[in-house]
Amino acid sequence: MWKVVYIAPNFEVAEHLKSLLEGEGLLVTLRGIGVEGEGKGPVEMLVPESEAEEAYEIINSSLIYG
């Protein structure tokens, strides 16, 4: 089962965070919200439930320490 761990404001931010998570060995999928095909709306970041806690820690560290 997949769990939403973050909603990025746009695809660029989502791709950056996805790269960080994948670099740590996590599986990540992205799902756009709202505007279809334009890549401008918010993007849900999903990971397997078993990896959610680790994903939260990585995302929080990235957003706090940039």
C-alpha atoms as a PDB file:
ATOM      1  CA  MET A   1       0.000   0.000   0.000  1.00  0.00           C
ATOM      2  CA  TRP A   2       1.284   3.475  -0.904  1.00  0.00           C
ATOM      3  CA  LYS A   3       1.138   6.439   1.444  1.00  0.00           C
ATOM      4  CA  VAL A   4       1.283  10.162   0.660  1.00  0.00           C
ATOM      5  CA  VAL A   5       4.242  11.615   2.563  1.00  0.00           C
ATOM      6  CA  TYR A   6       4.350  15.108   1.077  1.00  0.00           C
ATOM      7  CA  ILE A   7       2.452  17.380  -1.297  1.00  0.00           C
ATOM      8  CA  ALA A   8       4.919  19.437  -3.287  1.00  0.00           C
ATOM      9  CA  PRO A   9       3.813  22.789  -4.697  1.00  0.00           C
ATOM     10  CA  ASN A  10       4.962  21.838  -8.211  1.00  0.00           C
ATOM     11  CA  PHE A  11       6.657  19.141 -10.255  1.00  0.00           C
ATOM     12  CA  GLU A  12      10.130  20.700  -9.951  1.00  0.00           C
ATOM     13  CA  VAL A  13      10.115  20.477  -6.142  1.00  0.00           C
ATOM     14  CA  ALA A  14       8.608  16.983  -6.291  1.00  0.00           C
ATOM     15  CA  GLU A  15      11.359  15.770  -8.644  1.00  0.00           C
ATOM     16  CA  HIS A  16      14.069  17.207  -6.388  1.00  0.00           C
ATOM     17  CA  LEU A  17      12.683  15.481  -3.297  1.00  0.00           C
ATOM     18  CA  LYS A  18      12.080  12.266  -5.241  1.00  0.00           C
ATOM     19  CA  SER A  19      15.781  12.209  -6.192  1.00  0.00           C
ATOM     20  CA  LEU A  20      16.767  12.617  -2.536  1.00  0.00           C
ATOM     21  CA  LEU A  21      14.510   9.783  -1.440  1.00  0.00           C
ATOM     22  CA  GLU A  22      15.589   7.469  -4.237  1.00  0.00           C
ATOM     23  CA  GLY A  23      19.208   8.241  -3.364  1.00  0.00           C
ATOM     24  CA  GLU A  24      18.473   6.772   0.059  1.00  0.00           C
ATOM     25  CA  GLY A  25      17.017   3.634  -1.540  1.00  0.00           C
ATOM     26  CA  LEU A  26      13.310   4.431  -1.161  1.00  0.00           C
ATOM     27  CA  LEU A  27      10.674   3.744  -3.788  1.00  0.00           C
ATOM     28  CA  VAL A  28       8.818   6.905  -4.803  1.00  0.00           C
ATOM     29  CA  THR A  29       5.959   7.651  -7.144  1.00  0.00           C
ATOM     30  CA  LEU A  30       4.519  11.047  -8.033  1.00  0.00           C
ATOM     31  CA  ARG A  31       0.884  11.877  -8.722  1.00  0.00           C
ATOM     32  CA  GLY A  32      -0.264  15.257  -9.980  1.00  0.00           C
ATOM     33  CA  ILE A  33      -3.263  16.911  -8.361  1.00  0.00           C
ATOM     34  CA  GLY A  34      -5.671  19.041 -10.345  1.00  0.00           C
ATOM     35  CA  VAL A  35      -4.248  20.540 -13.536  1.00  0.00           C
ATOM     36  CA  GLU A  36      -3.666  17.652 -15.926  1.00  0.00           C
ATOM     37  CA  GLY A  37      -0.688  17.494 -18.236  1.00  0.00           C
ATOM     38  CA  GLU A  38       0.686  20.958 -17.513  1.00  0.00           C
ATOM     39  CA  GLY A  39       2.943  20.022 -14.599  1.00  0.00           C
ATOM     40  CA  LYS A  40       2.064  23.242 -12.783  1.00  0.00           C
ATOM     41  CA  GLY A  41      -0.178  22.082  -9.964  1.00  0.00           C
ATOM     42  CA  PRO A  42       0.607  20.389  -6.673  1.00  0.00           C
ATOM     43  CA  VAL A  43       2.130  16.905  -6.749  1.00  0.00           C
ATOM     44  CA  GLU A  44       1.598  14.113  -4.217  1.00  0.00           C
ATOM     45  CA  MET A  45       4.664  12.120  -3.268  1.00  0.00           C
ATOM     46  CA  LEU A  46       3.918   8.525  -2.350  1.00  0.00           C
ATOM     47  CA  VAL A  47       6.084   5.784  -0.846  1.00  0.00           C
ATOM     48  CA  PRO A  48       5.299   2.282   0.412  1.00  0.00           C
ATOM     49  CA  GLU A  49       3.815   2.443   3.918  1.00  0.00           C
ATOM     50  CA  SER A  50       6.822   0.582   5.309  1.00  0.00           C
ATOM     51  CA  GLU A  51       9.123   3.414   4.126  1.00  0.00           C
ATOM     52  CA  ALA A  52       6.915   6.355   5.171  1.00  0.00           C
ATOM     53  CA  GLU A  53       8.645   7.173   8.462  1.00  0.00           C
ATOM     54  CA  GLU A  54      12.086   7.238   6.843  1.00  0.00           C
ATOM     55  CA  ALA A  55      10.709   9.376   3.988  1.00  0.00           C
ATOM     56  CA  TYR A  56       9.264  11.903   6.468  1.00  0.00           C
ATOM     57  CA  GLU A  57      12.655  12.226   8.168  1.00  0.00           C
ATOM     58  CA  ILE A  58      14.513  12.754   4.881  1.00  0.00           C
ATOM     59  CA  ILE A  59      11.977  15.286   3.594  1.00  0.00           C
ATOM     60  CA  ASN A  60      11.928  17.211   6.885  1.00  0.00           C
ATOM     61  CA  SER A  61      15.730  17.336   7.032  1.00  0.00           C
ATOM     62  CA  SER A  62      15.871  18.547   3.438  1.00  0.00           C
ATOM     63  CA  LEU A  63      13.293  21.286   3.977  1.00  0.00           C
ATOM     64  CA  ILE A  64      14.804  22.470   7.272  1.00  0.00           C
ATOM     65  CA  TYR A  65      18.459  22.391   6.248  1.00  0.00           C
ATOM     66  CA  GLY A  66      17.911  23.067   2.548  1.00  0.00           C
END
